[in-house]
Structure formats: structure tokens, C-alpha cells
């Protein structure tokens, strides 16, 4: 089998596997042994794009800014710093594992768990950085508090519901207690 056909089959196989995963994968090839080189080649999987509501490379190009420009303003610097520390740690001891929000194509933000690893030369120089993102169904701070993803998802749904209907209006109605009614008193 000719080499180009074999590469095409491998690419199709990878795309098929990627389409079945909940995670969206990505990679960066380091050009000239320089992790901050503006010519470093990025690749975002179709699943990565789908998680953010994009279709293809036309609306989510294979460049760093496709990702970095969509980081939530409160999370952006921490995410960029974590990525830089991971890539520039030539010992390979600094993990890339964090949670942040990304803006989807529809303008909403969603929480993601991101992780990555780096393939390095024997002297620690980065060659390829690769990783994935996994969408959260609830803010990450809820999961450890309640111990289960299902419970956290329910609490998050309630949180979103109360914000949508303006929770403050609930406290303007009488609340009944054993001793009668009281306005705005809880407990």
C-alpha cells in the first residue's frame, strides 16, 4: 500500500475514534525547539470543535488563538500560565491539569477539565504537546461538595433555574411556618 494511502487510512481511523469520545483532543508541534514560537502548529480535533459548537477548521482554525481567545476572562491568565509552565518545565514534572471556562459559538460559557502531556527530547526540550478537554455538566466546585456528578448536575440545574426566574421574587411572598406566616424569614 502506498504511503499516502496508508496515512489517509490512519487519519480516518483516528477521526472515527475521536468522534466516539466525550473528550476533545488537541496537539501542538513545537517548531525550532521553541515552545513560544508563533509558527508552532496547532491541531484541534473535530470533537474539540463540536464541544464548543463549531463545525470545522473554517470556523475554528488550527491556531492557538482559536482556543485562547475563547477562554473566560477570569480563567484566561491562569490557563495560559499553566500551559506555559507545563511546556517550559524541561524536567517534565509540571502537570497540565486544570479547569476553566470556554466560550461556545453561541456565546455561552461552559466549564471544561483540561489536561495534557508533552513528548520531549532527552534534554527535556518539548517536541509535541497533546491533550484533551472534557465538558463539565456542573461547575467543578459542586462535584466534590456533593460527591456525585448526578447530584451536582441537579443542583446546577436548580441554580440556573433560580437565576433565570430571579430568585429574589421568592422572598417577597409569605412563607408559612408552624406558627403562622412570616415575610422573608427562612428557618
Protein backbone atom coordinates (compact mmCIF):
# COMPACT_ATOMS: atom_id res chain seq x y z
CA UNK A 1 0.00 0.00 0.00
CA UNK A 2 1.40 3.40 -0.89
CA UNK A 3 2.44 5.67 1.95
CA UNK A 4 -0.11 8.45 1.24
CA UNK A 5 -3.00 5.96 1.24
CA UNK A 6 -1.77 4.45 4.49
CA UNK A 7 -1.62 7.92 6.06
CA UNK A 8 -5.14 8.64 4.82
CA UNK A 9 -6.44 5.43 6.41
CA UNK A 10 -4.69 6.22 9.70
CA UNK A 11 -6.20 9.72 9.70
CA UNK A 12 -9.67 8.32 9.04
CA UNK A 13 -9.21 5.76 11.81
CA UNK A 14 -8.14 8.46 14.24
CA UNK A 15 -11.09 10.68 13.26
CA UNK A 16 -13.52 7.77 13.73
CA UNK A 17 -12.15 7.01 17.20
CA UNK A 18 -12.16 10.70 18.15
CA UNK A 19 -15.81 11.06 17.14
CA UNK A 20 -16.83 8.43 19.71
CA UNK A 21 -15.10 10.10 22.65
CA UNK A 22 -16.57 12.55 25.14
CA UNK A 23 -13.23 14.37 25.22
CA UNK A 24 -11.98 16.72 22.54
CA UNK A 25 -8.31 16.25 21.73
CA UNK A 26 -5.69 18.75 20.57
CA UNK A 27 -1.96 18.92 19.88
CA UNK A 28 0.84 21.36 19.20
CA UNK A 29 4.02 20.59 17.26
CA UNK A 30 6.90 22.64 18.62
CA UNK A 31 8.81 24.35 15.81
CA UNK A 32 12.53 25.05 16.15
CA UNK A 33 12.69 23.69 19.70
CA UNK A 34 10.86 26.86 20.84
CA UNK A 35 7.55 26.32 22.70
CA UNK A 36 6.63 30.01 22.31
CA UNK A 37 7.30 30.11 18.54
CA UNK A 38 4.34 31.75 16.80
CA UNK A 39 4.70 29.18 14.00
CA UNK A 40 4.00 26.21 16.29
CA UNK A 41 1.44 24.09 14.51
CA UNK A 42 -1.83 23.51 16.39
CA UNK A 43 -4.45 20.88 15.66
CA UNK A 44 -7.94 20.78 17.18
CA UNK A 45 -9.98 17.60 16.74
CA UNK A 46 -13.49 17.66 15.33
CA UNK A 47 -14.79 16.59 18.75
CA UNK A 48 -12.96 19.55 20.35
CA UNK A 49 -14.73 21.83 17.89
CA UNK A 50 -18.11 20.13 18.46
CA UNK A 51 -17.83 20.61 22.22
CA UNK A 52 -17.63 24.35 21.53
CA UNK A 53 -20.35 24.37 18.89
CA UNK A 54 -18.09 24.69 15.84
CA UNK A 55 -18.20 22.56 12.70
CA UNK A 56 -14.78 22.55 11.10
CA UNK A 57 -11.45 24.25 10.55
CA UNK A 58 -13.14 27.10 8.66
CA UNK A 59 -14.91 28.42 11.77
CA UNK A 60 -12.34 27.14 14.32
CA UNK A 61 -8.89 27.30 12.64
CA UNK A 62 -5.87 25.28 13.74
CA UNK A 63 -4.18 28.21 15.53
CA UNK A 64 -3.58 28.93 19.22
CA UNK A 65 -5.96 31.91 19.27
CA UNK A 66 -8.92 29.71 18.35
CA UNK A 67 -8.65 28.37 21.92
CA UNK A 68 -7.03 31.22 23.86
CA UNK A 69 -9.46 33.90 22.62
CA UNK A 70 -12.37 31.81 23.93
CA UNK A 71 -11.08 31.44 27.49
CA UNK A 72 -13.27 33.17 30.07
CA UNK A 73 -11.63 36.46 31.17
CA UNK A 74 -11.47 35.23 34.79
CA UNK A 75 -9.75 31.98 33.73
CA UNK A 76 -7.57 33.11 30.83
CA UNK A 77 -4.37 34.09 32.60
CA UNK A 78 -4.35 31.03 34.87
CA UNK A 79 -4.92 28.70 31.89
CA UNK A 80 -2.19 30.34 29.79
CA UNK A 81 0.21 30.31 32.76
CA UNK A 82 -0.49 26.63 33.47
CA UNK A 83 0.12 25.75 29.82
CA UNK A 84 3.36 27.76 29.72
CA UNK A 85 4.66 26.29 33.00
CA UNK A 86 3.94 22.77 31.80
CA UNK A 87 5.59 23.18 28.40
CA UNK A 88 8.61 25.11 29.72
CA UNK A 89 9.36 22.71 32.59
CA UNK A 90 12.16 20.73 30.96
CA UNK A 91 12.11 18.28 33.87
CA UNK A 92 8.59 17.25 32.80
CA UNK A 93 7.36 17.39 36.41
CA UNK A 94 4.76 20.17 36.00
CA UNK A 95 1.37 18.72 35.03
CA UNK A 96 -1.12 20.42 32.76
CA UNK A 97 -4.38 19.63 34.50
CA UNK A 98 -6.91 22.34 35.29
CA UNK A 99 -10.48 23.52 34.89
CA UNK A 100 -11.59 26.60 33.03
CA UNK A 101 -14.48 28.04 31.07
CA UNK A 102 -14.57 28.38 27.29
CA UNK A 103 -16.95 30.50 25.26
CA UNK A 104 -19.00 28.40 22.86
CA UNK A 105 -20.02 29.56 19.40
CA UNK A 106 -23.47 30.54 20.74
CA UNK A 107 -21.78 32.92 23.22
CA UNK A 108 -22.39 30.86 26.37
CA UNK A 109 -19.57 29.67 28.60
CA UNK A 110 -19.10 26.09 29.69
CA UNK A 111 -16.72 24.52 32.20
CA UNK A 112 -14.08 22.11 30.92
CA UNK A 113 -11.49 19.89 32.53
CA UNK A 114 -8.25 20.15 30.54
CA UNK A 115 -5.16 18.00 30.71
CA UNK A 116 -2.10 17.50 28.59
CA UNK A 117 1.29 15.91 28.30
CA UNK A 118 4.48 16.70 26.42
CA UNK A 119 6.77 14.47 24.39
CA UNK A 120 10.32 15.68 25.00
CA UNK A 121 13.85 15.23 23.72
CA UNK A 122 16.30 13.59 26.14
CA UNK A 123 17.35 17.09 27.35
CA UNK A 124 13.70 17.97 28.13
CA UNK A 125 13.09 20.12 25.07
CA UNK A 126 9.41 19.88 24.11
CA UNK A 127 8.63 18.31 20.72
CA UNK A 128 4.87 17.71 20.81
CA UNK A 129 2.28 18.82 23.35
CA UNK A 130 -1.05 16.99 23.32
CA UNK A 131 -4.12 16.87 25.49
CA UNK A 132 -7.86 16.94 25.77
CA UNK A 133 -10.81 18.79 27.24
CA UNK A 134 -13.86 17.22 28.86
CA UNK A 135 -17.05 19.21 29.37
CA UNK A 136 -18.44 19.53 32.90
CA UNK A 137 -22.15 19.31 33.48
CA UNK A 138 -21.80 21.46 36.61
CA UNK A 139 -19.30 23.97 37.95
CA UNK A 140 -16.30 21.99 39.20
CA UNK A 141 -16.66 23.27 42.77
CA UNK A 142 -20.02 21.48 43.15
CA UNK A 143 -18.82 17.93 42.44
CA UNK A 144 -16.56 17.48 45.50
CA UNK A 145 -19.12 19.15 47.78
CA UNK A 146 -21.88 16.70 46.94
CA UNK A 147 -19.86 13.68 45.91
CA UNK A 148 -21.68 12.67 42.76
CA UNK A 149 -21.89 14.04 39.26
CA UNK A 150 -25.63 13.28 39.08
CA UNK A 151 -26.39 15.25 42.26
CA UNK A 152 -24.15 18.10 41.14
CA UNK A 153 -25.92 18.25 37.79
CA UNK A 154 -29.29 18.54 39.56
CA UNK A 155 -28.04 21.29 41.87
CA UNK A 156 -26.56 23.16 38.92
CA UNK A 157 -29.87 22.90 37.05
CA UNK A 158 -31.68 24.33 40.08
CA UNK A 159 -29.10 27.11 40.37
CA UNK A 160 -29.65 28.04 36.71
CA UNK A 161 -33.46 27.87 37.15
CA UNK A 162 -33.47 30.23 40.14
CA UNK A 163 -31.25 32.72 38.35
CA UNK A 164 -33.47 32.56 35.27
CA UNK A 165 -36.61 33.45 37.23
CA UNK A 166 -34.88 35.89 39.58
CA UNK A 167 -34.76 34.14 42.95
CA UNK A 168 -35.35 37.40 44.84
CA UNK A 169 -39.05 37.34 43.92
CA UNK A 170 -39.48 34.19 46.05
CA UNK A 171 -38.71 36.10 49.22
CA UNK A 172 -41.40 38.70 48.59
CA UNK A 173 -44.20 36.16 49.18
CA UNK A 174 -45.33 34.99 52.60
CA UNK A 175 -43.63 31.84 53.80
CA UNK A 176 -45.77 29.65 56.04
CA UNK A 177 -44.32 28.25 59.24
CA UNK A 178 -45.83 26.25 62.08
CA UNK A 179 -46.73 29.44 63.92
CA UNK A 180 -48.39 31.21 61.01
CA UNK A 181 -46.88 33.29 58.26
CA UNK A 182 -43.83 35.41 58.05
CA UNK A 183 -42.48 37.54 55.22
CA UNK A 184 -38.96 36.77 54.03
CA UNK A 185 -37.97 34.67 57.04
CA UNK A 186 -36.18 31.41 56.40
CA UNK A 187 -35.90 28.76 59.08
